[in-house]
């Protein structure tokens, strides 16, 4: 007779086998500490066989986004953040006022020519 309950009693979904021999091999690793200017500490792990020059000198702090370095007493300085620029700000960097007026007049003339009206210039 079939029961209506779980086939595996006393177990939860996602429970794996116990013991490292059943979970696979864990590679040797080293822990490196980083500190940001706001005092947050990061401690990621890297593969133990990695070359020392391949370990990054700075990382971005996941708490505040500032750079974090390995020297606790002298964390990296925050780079000056440029404010967000609008499309118009980038256009103004590339064009002078005279060029903008000339391009606008040219565009208006083309639009009027398509519509069949006469230019007022």
C-alpha atoms as a PDB file:
ATOM      1  CA  UNK A   1       0.000   0.000   0.000  1.00  0.00           C
ATOM      2  CA  UNK A   2       1.383   3.415  -0.985  1.00  0.00           C
ATOM      3  CA  UNK A   3       1.664   6.169   1.566  1.00  0.00           C
ATOM      4  CA  UNK A   4       0.892   9.789   0.766  1.00  0.00           C
ATOM      5  CA  UNK A   5       3.982  11.176   2.533  1.00  0.00           C
ATOM      6  CA  UNK A   6       7.520  11.900   1.439  1.00  0.00           C
ATOM      7  CA  UNK A   7       9.585   8.982   0.213  1.00  0.00           C
ATOM      8  CA  UNK A   8      12.606  10.278   2.123  1.00  0.00           C
ATOM      9  CA  UNK A   9      11.603  11.067   5.668  1.00  0.00           C
ATOM     10  CA  UNK A  10      13.730  13.257   7.877  1.00  0.00           C
ATOM     11  CA  UNK A  11      15.422  14.973   4.960  1.00  0.00           C
ATOM     12  CA  UNK A  12      15.006  18.445   3.524  1.00  0.00           C
ATOM     13  CA  UNK A  13      15.117  19.534  -0.099  1.00  0.00           C
ATOM     14  CA  UNK A  14      18.651  20.338  -1.199  1.00  0.00           C
ATOM     15  CA  UNK A  15      20.351  18.429   1.600  1.00  0.00           C
ATOM     16  CA  UNK A  16      23.534  16.861   0.295  1.00  0.00           C
ATOM     17  CA  UNK A  17      25.642  14.000   1.541  1.00  0.00           C
ATOM     18  CA  UNK A  18      27.664  14.523   4.675  1.00  0.00           C
ATOM     19  CA  UNK A  19      31.429  14.609   4.676  1.00  0.00           C
ATOM     20  CA  UNK A  20      34.029  16.216   2.399  1.00  0.00           C
ATOM     21  CA  UNK A  21      34.755  12.987   0.549  1.00  0.00           C
ATOM     22  CA  UNK A  22      31.247  13.178  -0.870  1.00  0.00           C
ATOM     23  CA  UNK A  23      31.290  16.921  -1.595  1.00  0.00           C
ATOM     24  CA  UNK A  24      34.464  17.027  -3.647  1.00  0.00           C
ATOM     25  CA  UNK A  25      37.976  18.341  -3.242  1.00  0.00           C
ATOM     26  CA  UNK A  26      38.612  21.796  -1.784  1.00  0.00           C
ATOM     27  CA  UNK A  27      41.619  23.519  -3.331  1.00  0.00           C
ATOM     28  CA  UNK A  28      44.184  25.163  -1.086  1.00  0.00           C
ATOM     29  CA  UNK A  29      43.493  28.853  -0.738  1.00  0.00           C
ATOM     30  CA  UNK A  30      44.827  31.978   0.905  1.00  0.00           C
ATOM     31  CA  UNK A  31      42.908  34.820   2.477  1.00  0.00           C
ATOM     32  CA  UNK A  32      43.907  38.390   1.622  1.00  0.00           C
ATOM     33  CA  UNK A  33      42.670  41.362   3.632  1.00  0.00           C
ATOM     34  CA  UNK A  34      41.690  44.740   2.167  1.00  0.00           C
ATOM     35  CA  UNK A  35      40.461  47.955   3.851  1.00  0.00           C
ATOM     36  CA  UNK A  36      38.631  50.926   2.379  1.00  0.00           C
ATOM     37  CA  UNK A  37      38.759  54.567   3.533  1.00  0.00           C
ATOM     38  CA  UNK A  38      35.452  54.078   5.387  1.00  0.00           C
ATOM     39  CA  UNK A  39      36.969  51.317   7.567  1.00  0.00           C
ATOM     40  CA  UNK A  40      35.264  48.326   5.944  1.00  0.00           C
ATOM     41  CA  UNK A  41      37.305  45.126   5.863  1.00  0.00           C
ATOM     42  CA  UNK A  42      37.213  42.695   2.942  1.00  0.00           C
ATOM     43  CA  UNK A  43      38.733  39.239   3.142  1.00  0.00           C
ATOM     44  CA  UNK A  44      38.405  37.373  -0.160  1.00  0.00           C
ATOM     45  CA  UNK A  45      40.077  34.034  -0.793  1.00  0.00           C
ATOM     46  CA  UNK A  46      42.436  33.324  -3.686  1.00  0.00           C
ATOM     47  CA  UNK A  47      43.876  30.088  -4.989  1.00  0.00           C
ATOM     48  CA  UNK A  48      47.053  29.258  -3.030  1.00  0.00           C
ATOM     49  CA  UNK A  49      49.023  28.562  -6.210  1.00  0.00           C
ATOM     50  CA  UNK A  50      48.296  31.996  -7.700  1.00  0.00           C
ATOM     51  CA  UNK A  51      51.297  34.185  -8.428  1.00  0.00           C
ATOM     52  CA  UNK A  52      51.571  37.055  -5.912  1.00  0.00           C
ATOM     53  CA  UNK A  53      51.576  39.662  -8.703  1.00  0.00           C
ATOM     54  CA  UNK A  54      48.216  38.336  -9.914  1.00  0.00           C
ATOM     55  CA  UNK A  55      46.492  39.207  -6.628  1.00  0.00           C
ATOM     56  CA  UNK A  56      44.938  42.661  -7.122  1.00  0.00           C
ATOM     57  CA  UNK A  57      46.313  45.564  -5.108  1.00  0.00           C
ATOM     58  CA  UNK A  58      42.880  47.188  -4.866  1.00  0.00           C
ATOM     59  CA  UNK A  59      39.290  45.983  -4.943  1.00  0.00           C
ATOM     60  CA  UNK A  60      35.988  47.847  -4.874  1.00  0.00           C
ATOM     61  CA  UNK A  61      34.357  47.721  -1.443  1.00  0.00           C
ATOM     62  CA  UNK A  62      30.959  45.992  -1.743  1.00  0.00           C
ATOM     63  CA  UNK A  63      29.630  48.058   1.190  1.00  0.00           C
ATOM     64  CA  UNK A  64      30.347  51.591  -0.023  1.00  0.00           C
ATOM     65  CA  UNK A  65      31.902  51.279  -3.496  1.00  0.00           C
ATOM     66  CA  UNK A  66      35.168  53.027  -2.620  1.00  0.00           C
ATOM     67  CA  UNK A  67      38.513  51.417  -3.480  1.00  0.00           C
ATOM     68  CA  UNK A  68      39.992  49.104  -0.839  1.00  0.00           C
ATOM     69  CA  UNK A  69      43.716  48.391  -0.489  1.00  0.00           C
ATOM     70  CA  UNK A  70      45.908  46.018   1.486  1.00  0.00           C
ATOM     71  CA  UNK A  71      47.398  48.637   3.827  1.00  0.00           C
ATOM     72  CA  UNK A  72      44.986  49.163   6.725  1.00  0.00           C
ATOM     73  CA  UNK A  73      46.683  52.377   7.859  1.00  0.00           C
ATOM     74  CA  UNK A  74      46.739  53.924   4.351  1.00  0.00           C
ATOM     75  CA  UNK A  75      43.684  52.859   2.339  1.00  0.00           C
ATOM     76  CA  UNK A  76      43.475  54.149  -1.247  1.00  0.00           C
ATOM     77  CA  UNK A  77      42.055  57.618  -1.698  1.00  0.00           C
ATOM     78  CA  UNK A  78      38.693  58.030  -3.328  1.00  0.00           C
ATOM     79  CA  UNK A  79      39.086  59.297  -6.863  1.00  0.00           C
ATOM     80  CA  UNK A  80      37.212  62.505  -7.581  1.00  0.00           C
ATOM     81  CA  UNK A  81      33.919  61.509  -9.109  1.00  0.00           C
ATOM     82  CA  UNK A  82      32.858  63.348 -12.224  1.00  0.00           C
ATOM     83  CA  UNK A  83      29.209  64.356 -12.158  1.00  0.00           C
ATOM     84  CA  UNK A  84      26.837  62.751 -14.610  1.00  0.00           C
ATOM     85  CA  UNK A  85      26.835  64.603 -17.915  1.00  0.00           C
ATOM     86  CA  UNK A  86      23.760  64.966 -20.037  1.00  0.00           C
ATOM     87  CA  UNK A  87      23.747  64.545 -23.785  1.00  0.00           C
ATOM     88  CA  UNK A  88      23.523  68.317 -24.124  1.00  0.00           C
ATOM     89  CA  UNK A  89      26.658  68.781 -21.995  1.00  0.00           C
ATOM     90  CA  UNK A  90      28.633  66.472 -24.309  1.00  0.00           C
ATOM     91  CA  UNK A  91      27.312  68.310 -27.369  1.00  0.00           C
ATOM     92  CA  UNK A  92      28.323  71.658 -25.856  1.00  0.00           C
ATOM     93  CA  UNK A  93      31.845  70.321 -25.347  1.00  0.00           C
ATOM     94  CA  UNK A  94      32.133  69.523 -29.061  1.00  0.00           C
ATOM     95  CA  UNK A  95      30.394  72.566 -30.565  1.00  0.00           C
ATOM     96  CA  UNK A  96      30.759  76.327 -30.160  1.00  0.00           C
ATOM     97  CA  UNK A  97      27.691  78.546 -29.978  1.00  0.00           C
ATOM     98  CA  UNK A  98      28.303  79.720 -33.560  1.00  0.00           C
ATOM     99  CA  UNK A  99      28.530  76.139 -34.857  1.00  0.00           C
ATOM    100  CA  UNK A 100      25.343  75.237 -32.999  1.00  0.00           C
ATOM    101  CA  UNK A 101      23.463  78.209 -34.473  1.00  0.00           C
ATOM    102  CA  UNK A 102      24.728  77.357 -37.957  1.00  0.00           C
ATOM    103  CA  UNK A 103      23.671  73.704 -37.648  1.00  0.00           C
ATOM    104  CA  UNK A 104      20.284  74.710 -36.276  1.00  0.00           C
ATOM    105  CA  UNK A 105      19.675  77.148 -39.145  1.00  0.00           C
ATOM    106  CA  UNK A 106      20.698  74.468 -41.657  1.00  0.00           C
ATOM    107  CA  UNK A 107      18.362  71.915 -40.082  1.00  0.00           C
ATOM    108  CA  UNK A 108      15.449  74.388 -40.047  1.00  0.00           C
ATOM    109  CA  UNK A 109      16.058  75.251 -43.715  1.00  0.00           C
ATOM    110  CA  UNK A 110      16.020  71.544 -44.634  1.00  0.00           C
ATOM    111  CA  UNK A 111      12.815  71.005 -42.657  1.00  0.00           C
ATOM    112  CA  UNK A 112      11.093  73.971 -44.307  1.00  0.00           C
ATOM    113  CA  UNK A 113      12.231  72.770 -47.747  1.00  0.00           C
ATOM    114  CA  UNK A 114      10.639  69.377 -47.095  1.00  0.00           C
ATOM    115  CA  UNK A 115       7.427  70.965 -45.928  1.00  0.00           C
ATOM    116  CA  UNK A 116       7.393  73.350 -48.880  1.00  0.00           C
ATOM    117  CA  UNK A 117       7.618  76.572 -46.893  1.00  0.00           C
ATOM    118  CA  UNK A 118       9.985  79.424 -47.588  1.00  0.00           C
ATOM    119  CA  UNK A 119      12.943  80.125 -45.302  1.00  0.00           C
ATOM    120  CA  UNK A 120      12.823  83.426 -43.401  1.00  0.00           C
ATOM    121  CA  UNK A 121      16.627  83.940 -43.527  1.00  0.00           C
END
